Amino acid sequence: MISVGDLRPGMTFQYEGNLFVVLEASHNKTARAAANIKVKMKNMRTGSTTEITFGGGDKVPKAHIEKRKMQYLYDAGGMLVFMDNETYEQIEIPSDRLKWELNFLKASDEVEVTSFEGEILGVALPINVEFTVTEAEPAVKGDTASGATKNAIIETGFQIRVPLFISEGERVIVNTVDGKYQGRA
């Protein structure tokens, strides 16, 4: 059990039968009332974000999340197959649970699979990943306002906005958190 006053961003805990990761935690102490701790947290199973105010003396059980390095192998018709790098054991995760991550997964990519007591929660991608641009709109001369961008499609089929000088076949770095162009590779 950990005191809610000790909760920090990134910590995981159990509350009302669900697993949560702390996004933000703030303490509020008034002169007359006891301290309150306001916690913004994300449900690790559903992905929904909620805010709860705890009393200063409340305690919650800590959740020990296991992380294993795995390699993405292929899409088996609705199931994504991953292989453990050490034991070579293969696991399948339903693709509907990894909709956002699927935009940035290529065969043989290394990812971190998170699990809790044998239940697979999800996949943690590297923050910046390198991709090849497969399609890029032509740059129109005269469209040179500051910070001008155009649409481009990377090898996974995901569409991003890139600067006008990026052309088809170039390697670019994409942020997997927000899906934005970071630079040339």
Protein backbone atom coordinates (compact mmCIF):
# COMPACT_ATOMS: atom_id res chain seq x y z
CA MET A 1 0.00 0.00 0.00
CA ILE A 2 1.21 3.48 -0.83
CA SER A 3 -0.08 6.76 0.50
CA VAL A 4 -1.86 8.89 -2.12
CA GLY A 5 0.39 11.76 -1.03
CA ASP A 6 3.34 9.82 -2.48
CA LEU A 7 1.76 9.38 -5.95
CA ARG A 8 3.89 10.85 -8.75
CA PRO A 9 3.44 10.91 -12.56
CA GLY A 10 4.24 7.50 -14.08
CA MET A 11 3.40 5.48 -10.93
CA THR A 12 0.86 2.66 -11.28
CA PHE A 13 -1.73 1.65 -8.70
CA GLN A 14 -4.99 -0.27 -8.27
CA TYR A 15 -8.25 1.48 -7.44
CA GLU A 16 -11.76 -0.01 -7.44
CA GLY A 17 -10.60 -3.12 -9.30
CA ASN A 18 -8.87 -1.21 -12.12
CA LEU A 19 -5.26 -0.39 -12.97
CA PHE A 20 -4.27 3.26 -13.28
CA VAL A 21 -1.16 5.22 -14.17
CA VAL A 22 -0.74 8.69 -12.64
CA LEU A 23 -0.62 11.53 -15.18
CA GLU A 24 -0.68 14.43 -12.68
CA ALA A 25 -0.95 14.73 -8.90
CA SER A 26 -1.48 17.95 -6.95
CA HIS A 27 -1.80 18.61 -3.22
CA ASN A 28 -4.31 21.08 -1.81
CA LYS A 29 -4.17 22.08 1.86
CA THR A 30 -6.49 24.71 3.31
CA ALA A 31 -6.30 26.14 6.81
CA ARG A 32 -9.42 24.42 8.18
CA ALA A 33 -9.78 21.27 6.10
CA ALA A 34 -7.53 18.25 5.80
CA ALA A 35 -5.24 17.93 2.81
CA ASN A 36 -6.73 16.76 -0.48
CA ILE A 37 -4.78 15.11 -3.27
CA LYS A 38 -6.20 15.57 -6.77
CA VAL A 39 -4.99 12.83 -9.14
CA LYS A 40 -5.39 12.82 -12.91
CA MET A 41 -5.04 9.19 -13.97
CA LYS A 42 -5.37 6.96 -17.01
CA ASN A 43 -7.03 3.54 -16.91
CA MET A 44 -4.45 1.10 -18.30
CA ARG A 45 -7.11 -1.31 -19.60
CA THR A 46 -9.51 1.09 -21.33
CA GLY A 47 -7.30 4.14 -21.95
CA SER A 48 -9.86 6.54 -20.44
CA THR A 49 -8.64 9.47 -18.32
CA THR A 50 -10.29 10.51 -15.07
CA GLU A 51 -9.67 12.81 -12.11
CA ILE A 52 -10.28 11.79 -8.52
CA THR A 53 -9.76 13.68 -5.27
CA PHE A 54 -8.44 11.56 -2.41
CA GLY A 55 -8.24 12.44 1.28
CA GLY A 56 -4.75 13.09 2.67
CA GLY A 57 -4.55 9.82 4.62
CA ASP A 58 -5.92 7.48 1.92
CA LYS A 59 -3.84 4.55 0.70
CA VAL A 60 -3.98 2.55 -2.55
CA PRO A 61 -2.29 -0.73 -3.49
CA LYS A 62 0.70 -0.36 -5.83
CA ALA A 63 0.47 -2.24 -9.12
CA HIS A 64 3.68 -3.90 -10.27
CA ILE A 65 3.65 -3.69 -14.06
CA GLU A 66 5.97 -6.08 -15.87
CA LYS A 67 7.68 -4.82 -19.02
CA ARG A 68 9.31 -7.16 -21.53
CA LYS A 69 11.19 -6.34 -24.72
CA MET A 70 9.48 -8.04 -27.66
CA GLN A 71 9.69 -7.98 -31.42
CA TYR A 72 6.63 -7.32 -33.59
CA LEU A 73 6.38 -10.12 -36.15
CA TYR A 74 3.18 -9.78 -38.20
CA ASP A 75 -0.58 -9.16 -38.29
CA ALA A 76 -2.46 -12.48 -38.22
CA GLY A 77 -5.88 -11.20 -39.26
CA GLY A 78 -7.02 -9.17 -36.27
CA MET A 79 -4.30 -10.46 -33.94
CA LEU A 80 -0.82 -8.91 -33.75
CA VAL A 81 1.95 -11.44 -33.06
CA PHE A 82 4.91 -10.50 -30.85
CA MET A 83 7.94 -12.61 -29.89
CA ASP A 84 9.85 -12.42 -26.61
CA ASN A 85 13.51 -11.63 -27.37
CA GLU A 86 14.84 -13.93 -24.64
CA THR A 87 12.52 -16.96 -24.55
CA TYR A 88 11.29 -16.78 -28.19
CA GLU A 89 7.76 -17.30 -26.85
CA GLN A 90 5.09 -15.76 -29.10
CA ILE A 91 2.01 -13.89 -27.86
CA GLU A 92 -0.98 -12.47 -29.69
CA ILE A 93 -2.65 -9.14 -28.89
CA PRO A 94 -5.98 -8.14 -30.51
CA SER A 95 -5.31 -5.36 -33.04
CA ASP A 96 -8.34 -3.35 -31.84
CA ARG A 97 -6.48 -2.78 -28.52
CA LEU A 98 -3.52 -1.24 -30.38
CA LYS A 99 -5.22 1.03 -32.92
CA TRP A 100 -2.92 4.04 -32.42
CA GLU A 101 0.26 1.96 -32.06
CA LEU A 102 -0.54 0.12 -35.32
CA ASN A 103 0.13 3.38 -37.21
CA PHE A 104 3.80 3.10 -36.19
CA LEU A 105 4.47 -0.68 -36.13
CA LYS A 106 6.65 -2.27 -38.79
CA ALA A 107 7.67 -5.93 -38.96
CA SER A 108 10.69 -6.71 -36.74
CA ASP A 109 10.31 -3.49 -34.68
CA GLU A 110 11.30 -3.84 -31.02
CA VAL A 111 8.68 -2.69 -28.50
CA GLU A 112 8.02 -2.99 -24.78
CA VAL A 113 4.97 -5.12 -23.91
CA THR A 114 3.40 -4.26 -20.53
CA SER A 115 1.51 -6.81 -18.47
CA PHE A 116 0.01 -7.16 -15.01
CA GLU A 117 -0.25 -10.60 -13.39
CA GLY A 118 -0.22 -12.30 -16.81
CA GLU A 119 -2.79 -9.92 -18.38
CA ILE A 120 -1.35 -8.05 -21.38
CA LEU A 121 -2.11 -4.33 -21.08
CA GLY A 122 -0.50 -2.87 -24.15
CA VAL A 123 2.60 -1.91 -26.07
CA ALA A 124 5.02 0.95 -25.39
CA LEU A 125 6.63 2.23 -28.59
CA PRO A 126 9.91 4.13 -28.79
CA ILE A 127 9.13 7.86 -28.75
CA ASN A 128 10.77 8.67 -32.11
CA VAL A 129 10.74 6.14 -34.96
CA GLU A 130 12.28 6.34 -38.45
CA PHE A 131 10.06 5.78 -41.51
CA THR A 132 10.30 6.03 -45.29
CA VAL A 133 7.93 8.46 -47.02
CA THR A 134 5.99 6.43 -49.62
CA GLU A 135 3.85 9.28 -50.99
CA ALA A 136 4.28 13.04 -50.80
CA GLU A 137 2.26 15.84 -52.36
CA PRO A 138 4.22 18.02 -54.77
CA ALA A 139 5.39 21.34 -53.34
CA VAL A 140 3.64 24.22 -55.08
CA LYS A 141 5.90 27.15 -55.88
CA GLY A 142 4.64 30.23 -54.09
CA ASP A 143 3.31 28.30 -51.08
CA THR A 144 6.23 29.46 -48.98
CA ALA A 145 4.57 31.09 -46.02
CA SER A 146 6.58 30.50 -42.87
CA GLY A 147 6.32 26.91 -41.68
CA ALA A 148 4.53 25.68 -44.82
CA THR A 149 3.73 21.95 -44.74
CA LYS A 150 2.19 19.33 -46.99
CA ASN A 151 0.67 15.87 -46.57
CA ALA A 152 2.84 12.76 -46.78
CA ILE A 153 2.18 9.06 -46.19
CA ILE A 154 4.74 6.89 -44.39
CA GLU A 155 5.36 3.19 -45.04
CA THR A 156 2.72 2.04 -42.52
CA GLY A 157 0.02 4.01 -44.36
CA PHE A 158 -0.22 6.75 -41.70
CA GLN A 159 -0.57 10.33 -42.99
CA ILE A 160 1.61 13.08 -41.49
CA ARG A 161 2.36 16.73 -42.23
CA VAL A 162 5.92 17.41 -43.43
CA PRO A 163 7.84 20.49 -44.63
CA LEU A 164 7.70 21.27 -48.35
CA PHE A 165 11.28 20.05 -49.01
CA ILE A 166 10.51 16.41 -48.04
CA SER A 167 9.99 14.18 -51.08
CA GLU A 168 8.95 10.59 -51.74
CA GLY A 169 11.54 7.99 -50.70
CA GLU A 170 13.15 10.12 -47.95
CA ARG A 171 13.61 8.86 -44.39
CA VAL A 172 11.87 10.92 -41.68
CA ILE A 173 11.56 10.70 -37.90
CA VAL A 174 8.01 10.64 -36.49
CA ASN A 175 6.96 11.11 -32.87
CA THR A 176 4.75 8.13 -31.86
CA VAL A 177 3.04 10.07 -29.04
CA ASP A 178 1.40 12.72 -31.24
CA GLY A 179 2.15 11.41 -34.77
CA LYS A 180 4.06 14.54 -35.84
CA TYR A 181 7.12 14.97 -38.04
CA GLN A 182 10.32 15.49 -36.03
CA GLY A 183 12.99 15.79 -38.70
CA ARG A 184 14.95 14.00 -41.38
CA ALA A 185 16.58 10.71 -40.49
